Protein backbone atom coordinates (compact mmCIF):
# COMPACT_ATOMS: atom_id res chain seq x y z
CA UNK A 1 13.30 -24.94 18.25
CA UNK A 2 12.96 -22.24 15.75
CA UNK A 3 9.90 -20.10 16.37
CA UNK A 4 7.01 -19.69 13.86
CA UNK A 5 7.69 -17.12 11.15
CA UNK A 6 5.95 -13.66 11.75
CA UNK A 7 3.00 -13.50 9.57
CA UNK A 8 0.86 -10.63 10.63
CA UNK A 9 1.90 -6.89 10.90
CA UNK A 10 -0.27 -4.18 11.77
CA UNK A 11 0.38 -0.24 12.73
CA UNK A 12 -0.62 1.22 15.91
CA UNK A 13 -0.23 4.49 17.66
CA UNK A 14 2.50 4.93 20.29
CA UNK A 15 2.98 8.09 21.88
CA UNK A 16 1.56 9.71 19.01
CA UNK A 17 3.81 8.26 16.49
CA UNK A 18 2.94 5.24 14.08
CA UNK A 19 5.19 2.21 14.43
CA UNK A 20 4.88 -1.44 13.33
CA UNK A 21 3.90 -4.34 15.68
CA UNK A 22 4.15 -7.84 14.57
CA UNK A 23 3.07 -10.93 15.98
CA UNK A 24 3.04 -14.62 15.13
CA UNK A 25 0.84 -17.51 14.97
CA UNK A 26 2.41 -18.85 18.28
CA UNK A 27 1.50 -15.54 20.01
CA UNK A 28 -1.96 -16.37 18.88
CA UNK A 29 -1.88 -19.91 19.87
CA UNK A 30 -0.28 -19.39 23.42
CA UNK A 31 -2.75 -16.58 24.14
CA UNK A 32 -0.08 -13.62 24.56
CA UNK A 33 -1.86 -12.09 21.48
CA UNK A 34 -5.55 -11.89 22.59
CA UNK A 35 -8.31 -12.59 20.29
CA UNK A 36 -11.33 -10.43 20.08
CA UNK A 37 -14.60 -12.34 18.95
CA UNK A 38 -16.70 -10.02 16.91
CA UNK A 39 -19.55 -12.60 15.92
CA UNK A 40 -22.62 -12.99 17.68
CA UNK A 41 -23.87 -16.49 18.80
CA UNK A 42 -26.68 -18.27 17.05
CA UNK A 43 -29.99 -18.96 18.94
CA UNK A 44 -33.61 -18.35 18.92
CA UNK A 45 -33.03 -14.67 19.79
CA UNK A 46 -30.72 -13.95 17.01
CA UNK A 47 -31.91 -11.24 14.69
CA UNK A 48 -32.62 -12.06 11.14
CA UNK A 49 -34.12 -9.91 8.48
CA UNK A 50 -37.91 -9.55 9.53
CA UNK A 51 -39.53 -10.95 6.63
CA UNK A 52 -37.20 -14.09 7.27
CA UNK A 53 -38.07 -14.38 10.79
CA UNK A 54 -41.86 -13.98 9.56
CA UNK A 55 -41.64 -17.05 7.70
CA UNK A 56 -39.98 -18.80 10.41
CA UNK A 57 -36.63 -19.25 8.42
CA UNK A 58 -34.56 -17.88 11.35
CA UNK A 59 -32.24 -20.14 13.34
CA UNK A 60 -33.67 -23.30 14.77
CA UNK A 61 -31.77 -25.65 16.73
CA UNK A 62 -33.33 -29.18 17.57
CA UNK A 63 -31.72 -32.12 19.47
CA UNK A 64 -31.55 -35.49 17.71
CA UNK A 65 -30.12 -37.62 20.70
CA UNK A 66 -29.03 -36.66 24.29
CA UNK A 67 -28.17 -39.11 26.85
CA UNK A 68 -25.94 -41.90 28.23
CA UNK A 69 -25.12 -44.82 26.04
CA UNK A 70 -25.33 -47.75 28.32
CA UNK A 71 -23.67 -50.18 25.73
CA UNK A 72 -20.48 -48.09 25.46
CA UNK A 73 -20.36 -46.10 28.55
CA UNK A 74 -20.33 -42.46 27.34
CA UNK A 75 -22.75 -39.42 27.20
CA UNK A 76 -23.68 -38.33 23.66
CA UNK A 77 -25.14 -35.12 22.38
CA UNK A 78 -26.11 -34.09 18.69
CA UNK A 79 -28.50 -31.60 17.20
CA UNK A 80 -29.72 -30.37 14.10
CA UNK A 81 -29.85 -26.72 13.13
CA UNK A 82 -31.63 -24.93 10.16
CA UNK A 83 -31.26 -21.29 9.24
CA UNK A 84 -31.62 -18.76 6.55
CA UNK A 85 -27.95 -17.70 5.08
CA UNK A 86 -28.78 -14.05 6.17
CA UNK A 87 -29.06 -13.68 9.89
CA UNK A 88 -26.81 -13.07 12.94
CA UNK A 89 -23.24 -12.06 11.92
CA UNK A 90 -23.16 -12.80 8.47
CA UNK A 91 -21.46 -11.97 5.19
CA UNK A 92 -23.18 -11.26 1.72
CA UNK A 93 -21.75 -12.91 -1.37
CA UNK A 94 -21.61 -10.89 -4.58
CA UNK A 95 -24.78 -12.22 -5.96
CA UNK A 96 -26.91 -11.25 -3.07
CA UNK A 97 -27.61 -7.80 -4.33
CA UNK A 98 -26.03 -7.04 -7.56
CA UNK A 99 -26.57 -4.63 -10.53
CA UNK A 100 -25.72 -7.42 -13.08
CA UNK A 101 -26.53 -11.22 -12.90
CA UNK A 102 -23.48 -12.83 -11.61
CA UNK A 103 -22.41 -16.29 -10.56
CA UNK A 104 -20.41 -15.50 -7.58
CA UNK A 105 -21.68 -17.52 -4.65
CA UNK A 106 -20.42 -17.48 -1.08
CA UNK A 107 -18.09 -20.50 -1.69
CA UNK A 108 -16.34 -18.97 -4.73
CA UNK A 109 -15.07 -15.74 -2.65
CA UNK A 110 -11.39 -15.77 -2.21
CA UNK A 111 -10.66 -16.38 1.43
CA UNK A 112 -8.04 -13.32 1.39
CA UNK A 113 -11.12 -11.21 1.08
CA UNK A 114 -11.67 -11.68 4.81
CA UNK A 115 -8.43 -10.72 5.98
CA UNK A 116 -6.93 -7.16 6.47
CA UNK A 117 -6.25 -4.21 8.49
CA UNK A 118 -9.21 -2.67 10.47
CA UNK A 119 -10.45 0.84 9.98
CA UNK A 120 -13.32 1.98 12.36
CA UNK A 121 -15.40 4.82 11.72
CA UNK A 122 -17.06 6.07 14.61
CA UNK A 123 -20.60 7.70 13.90
CA UNK A 124 -22.23 6.75 17.17
CA UNK A 125 -22.95 10.05 18.49
CA UNK A 126 -24.82 11.00 15.42
CA UNK A 127 -26.90 7.82 15.30
CA UNK A 128 -27.74 8.34 19.11
CA UNK A 129 -29.43 11.63 17.91
CA UNK A 130 -30.75 10.38 14.85
CA UNK A 131 -31.49 6.71 14.34
CA UNK A 132 -31.84 6.99 10.67
CA UNK A 133 -28.49 8.63 10.12
CA UNK A 134 -26.22 7.39 7.34
CA UNK A 135 -22.50 7.38 7.04
CA UNK A 136 -21.53 10.26 4.77
CA UNK A 137 -18.65 11.08 2.56
CA UNK A 138 -17.92 13.93 5.27
CA UNK A 139 -17.69 11.27 7.93
CA UNK A 140 -15.08 9.45 5.99
CA UNK A 141 -13.21 12.61 5.29
CA UNK A 142 -13.14 13.62 8.90
CA UNK A 143 -11.78 10.19 9.76
CA UNK A 144 -8.81 10.90 7.35
CA UNK A 145 -8.12 14.14 8.84
CA UNK A 146 -7.81 12.56 12.35
CA UNK A 147 -6.42 9.18 11.65
CA UNK A 148 -4.89 9.17 7.97
CA UNK A 149 -5.80 8.01 4.75
CA UNK A 150 -7.97 4.72 4.60
CA UNK A 151 -5.50 2.12 3.38
CA UNK A 152 -6.41 0.15 0.14
CA UNK A 153 -7.56 -3.25 0.69
CA UNK A 154 -8.39 -2.61 4.31
CA UNK A 155 -11.51 -3.90 6.12
CA UNK A 156 -13.74 -0.80 7.17
CA UNK A 157 -16.11 -0.93 9.88
CA UNK A 158 -18.79 1.46 10.71
CA UNK A 159 -19.42 1.82 14.61
CA UNK A 160 -23.00 3.39 14.93
CA UNK A 161 -23.34 2.01 18.71
CA UNK A 162 -26.14 -0.27 17.66
CA UNK A 163 -24.43 -3.44 18.94
CA UNK A 164 -25.97 -2.75 22.22
CA UNK A 165 -29.49 -3.12 20.97
CA UNK A 166 -28.95 -6.84 19.34
CA UNK A 167 -30.72 -8.65 21.84
CA UNK A 168 -33.73 -6.40 21.79
CA UNK A 169 -35.43 -6.84 18.27
CA UNK A 170 -37.71 -3.88 18.89
CA UNK A 171 -34.81 -1.56 19.51
CA UNK A 172 -32.47 -3.25 16.96
CA UNK A 173 -34.93 -2.70 14.22
CA UNK A 174 -36.18 0.27 15.58
CA UNK A 175 -39.79 -0.68 15.59
CA UNK A 176 -42.12 -2.43 17.69
CA UNK A 177 -44.08 -3.71 14.47
CA UNK A 178 -40.67 -4.66 12.58
CA UNK A 179 -42.62 -7.08 10.47
CA UNK A 180 -43.77 -4.08 8.73
CA UNK A 181 -40.57 -3.15 6.94
CA UNK A 182 -41.83 0.48 6.36
CA UNK A 183 -41.59 1.17 10.15
CA UNK A 184 -37.66 0.27 10.37
CA UNK A 185 -35.30 2.70 11.92
CA UNK A 186 -31.86 2.13 12.21
CA UNK A 187 -28.58 3.55 10.56
CA UNK A 188 -26.70 2.64 7.51
CA UNK A 189 -24.24 3.68 5.02
CA UNK A 190 -25.27 6.30 2.39
CA UNK A 191 -25.16 5.53 -1.26
CA UNK A 192 -23.03 8.39 -1.77
CA UNK A 193 -20.41 7.17 0.88
CA UNK A 194 -20.46 3.74 -0.77
CA UNK A 195 -19.74 5.28 -4.26
CA UNK A 196 -16.92 7.39 -2.74
CA UNK A 197 -15.26 4.56 -1.24
CA UNK A 198 -15.57 2.48 -4.47
CA UNK A 199 -14.18 5.29 -6.53
CA UNK A 200 -11.48 6.65 -4.10
CA UNK A 201 -10.70 4.21 -1.38
CA UNK A 202 -10.87 0.36 -2.79
CA UNK A 203 -11.47 -1.36 0.52
CA UNK A 204 -12.11 -5.02 0.32
CA UNK A 205 -14.63 -5.43 2.87
CA UNK A 206 -17.12 -3.54 4.88
CA UNK A 207 -18.96 -4.26 8.22
CA UNK A 208 -21.95 -2.69 10.19
CA UNK A 209 -23.60 -3.53 13.58
CA UNK A 210 -26.96 -3.31 12.09
CA UNK A 211 -29.03 -5.99 10.31
CA UNK A 212 -28.43 -4.26 7.01
CA UNK A 213 -25.90 -2.01 5.47
CA UNK A 214 -28.76 0.05 3.90
CA UNK A 215 -30.53 2.36 6.63
CA UNK A 216 -33.96 1.11 7.82
CA UNK A 217 -36.09 3.80 6.20
CA UNK A 218 -34.57 2.84 2.71
CA UNK A 219 -36.95 -0.13 2.60
CA UNK A 220 -36.12 -2.72 -0.31
CA UNK A 221 -34.12 -0.19 -2.52
CA UNK A 222 -30.89 -1.54 -1.35
CA UNK A 223 -28.58 1.12 -3.22
CA UNK A 224 -25.69 0.61 -0.83
CA UNK A 225 -25.77 -3.20 -0.88
CA UNK A 226 -25.74 -3.04 -4.69
CA UNK A 227 -22.85 -0.39 -4.85
CA UNK A 228 -20.58 -2.61 -2.82
CA UNK A 229 -21.29 -5.90 -4.05
CA UNK A 230 -21.11 -5.03 -7.72
CA UNK A 231 -17.92 -3.84 -7.06
CA UNK A 232 -16.64 -6.90 -5.23
CA UNK A 233 -16.59 -5.46 -1.92
CA UNK A 234 -18.29 -8.03 0.43
CA UNK A 235 -20.56 -6.87 3.34
CA UNK A 236 -20.66 -8.15 6.89
CA UNK A 237 -23.78 -7.44 9.15
CA UNK A 238 -24.65 -7.47 12.79
CA UNK A 239 -20.81 -7.24 13.61
CA UNK A 240 -20.28 -7.21 17.42
CA UNK A 241 -17.82 -5.56 19.77
CA UNK A 242 -16.72 -2.76 17.59
CA UNK A 243 -16.76 -0.73 20.73
CA UNK A 244 -13.68 -2.36 21.55
CA UNK A 245 -11.70 -1.79 18.46
CA UNK A 246 -9.45 1.44 17.96
CA UNK A 247 -9.94 3.59 14.93
CA UNK A 248 -6.75 1.97 13.20
CA UNK A 249 -4.30 -0.60 14.41
CA UNK A 250 -6.22 -3.91 14.64
CA UNK A 251 -6.07 -6.73 12.05
CA UNK A 252 -9.11 -8.68 11.41
CA UNK A 253 -9.87 -12.00 9.81
CA UNK A 254 -12.86 -14.37 9.39
CA UNK A 255 -13.91 -17.46 7.81
CA UNK A 256 -17.65 -17.87 6.34
CA UNK A 257 -19.24 -21.13 6.43
CA UNK A 258 -18.48 -22.90 2.87
CA UNK A 259 -22.07 -23.22 1.52
CA UNK A 260 -22.23 -24.17 -2.07
CA UNK A 261 -24.48 -21.91 -3.91
CA UNK A 262 -25.41 -19.56 -1.08
CA UNK A 263 -25.82 -16.02 -1.21
CA UNK A 264 -24.42 -15.59 2.21
CA UNK A 265 -23.04 -17.42 5.18
CA UNK A 266 -22.57 -17.04 8.90
CA UNK A 267 -18.95 -15.86 9.62
CA UNK A 268 -16.76 -16.00 12.62
CA UNK A 269 -14.99 -12.78 12.62
CA UNK A 270 -11.92 -12.11 15.06
CA UNK A 271 -9.54 -9.27 15.55
CA UNK A 272 -6.03 -9.27 16.84
CA UNK A 273 -3.77 -6.41 17.64
CA UNK A 274 -6.79 -4.54 19.19
CA UNK A 275 -5.63 -3.88 22.54
CA UNK A 276 -2.16 -2.35 21.19
CA UNK A 277 -3.97 -0.03 18.90
CA UNK A 278 -6.93 0.83 21.30
CA UNK A 279 -5.68 4.03 23.27
CA UNK A 280 -9.46 4.93 23.62
CA UNK A 281 -11.88 2.51 24.86
CA UNK A 282 -15.36 3.50 23.75
CA UNK A 283 -18.26 2.79 26.17
CA UNK A 284 -20.54 -0.09 25.39
CA UNK A 285 -21.53 -3.62 25.86
CA UNK A 286 -19.62 -6.77 25.19
CA UNK A 287 -21.85 -9.49 23.62
CA UNK A 288 -19.43 -12.09 22.61
CA UNK A 289 -16.20 -13.80 23.98
CA UNK A 290 -13.12 -11.77 24.11
CA UNK A 291 -11.14 -14.90 23.11
CA UNK A 292 -11.94 -18.53 22.30
């Protein structure tokens, strides 16, 4: 039987040289190409933007029926869930924060937007010293000095080390009084870095471990959100397991829930090729499944 055609290619580092690694859908299906789950599970502990949680619009799961059906001889379980479209590992639609009124709901975003070569910029040391740190243009240029030019249409992730805090809301939001937005402390991406990427490195998607791409002390000004989304670069927040991704060499893809008219949606984000490219494992926690 002919094998499934090779459908993906990533570039990995091998002995200091760049080479091409290819894998097929068969490799993923039979487990020889291991998947990395980069999404957080949804539960009552999943972080949502504080004002959403305060209004009790965060994730709620309730059973509708559980038990044995004596008449037909099987066990049955069903639930109902409700949730804001901005919580957990989720993607922002272009209409979420935009400099212009735009009719671009999450269900209208092309699925190709969520497939691409992964680039991981590590600012975790700086964030461990200063929780209000923001990714700078200098950080991006330093990355390129070490790892080469950020490819066009790539998916850029900012590794801040914040993923380890995700199940402790006080630590995650940087405040014991996190319902008070002015007290939040967590890292983000600077407006200057966002503008530099838009003008010089046209990526298709950007992801962060924090609950917002704008840093905590930025309040509700959201200039980084507005810059990316106005320029058709979707934003993924509360990304998991970035400590396992190499600086380059992995390929990521994800599918958001298709919710008509929504300004965002949960996304199941997955990486492949991450072990081949990962010459240096970062320290950190693992919060999701390696594969599923």
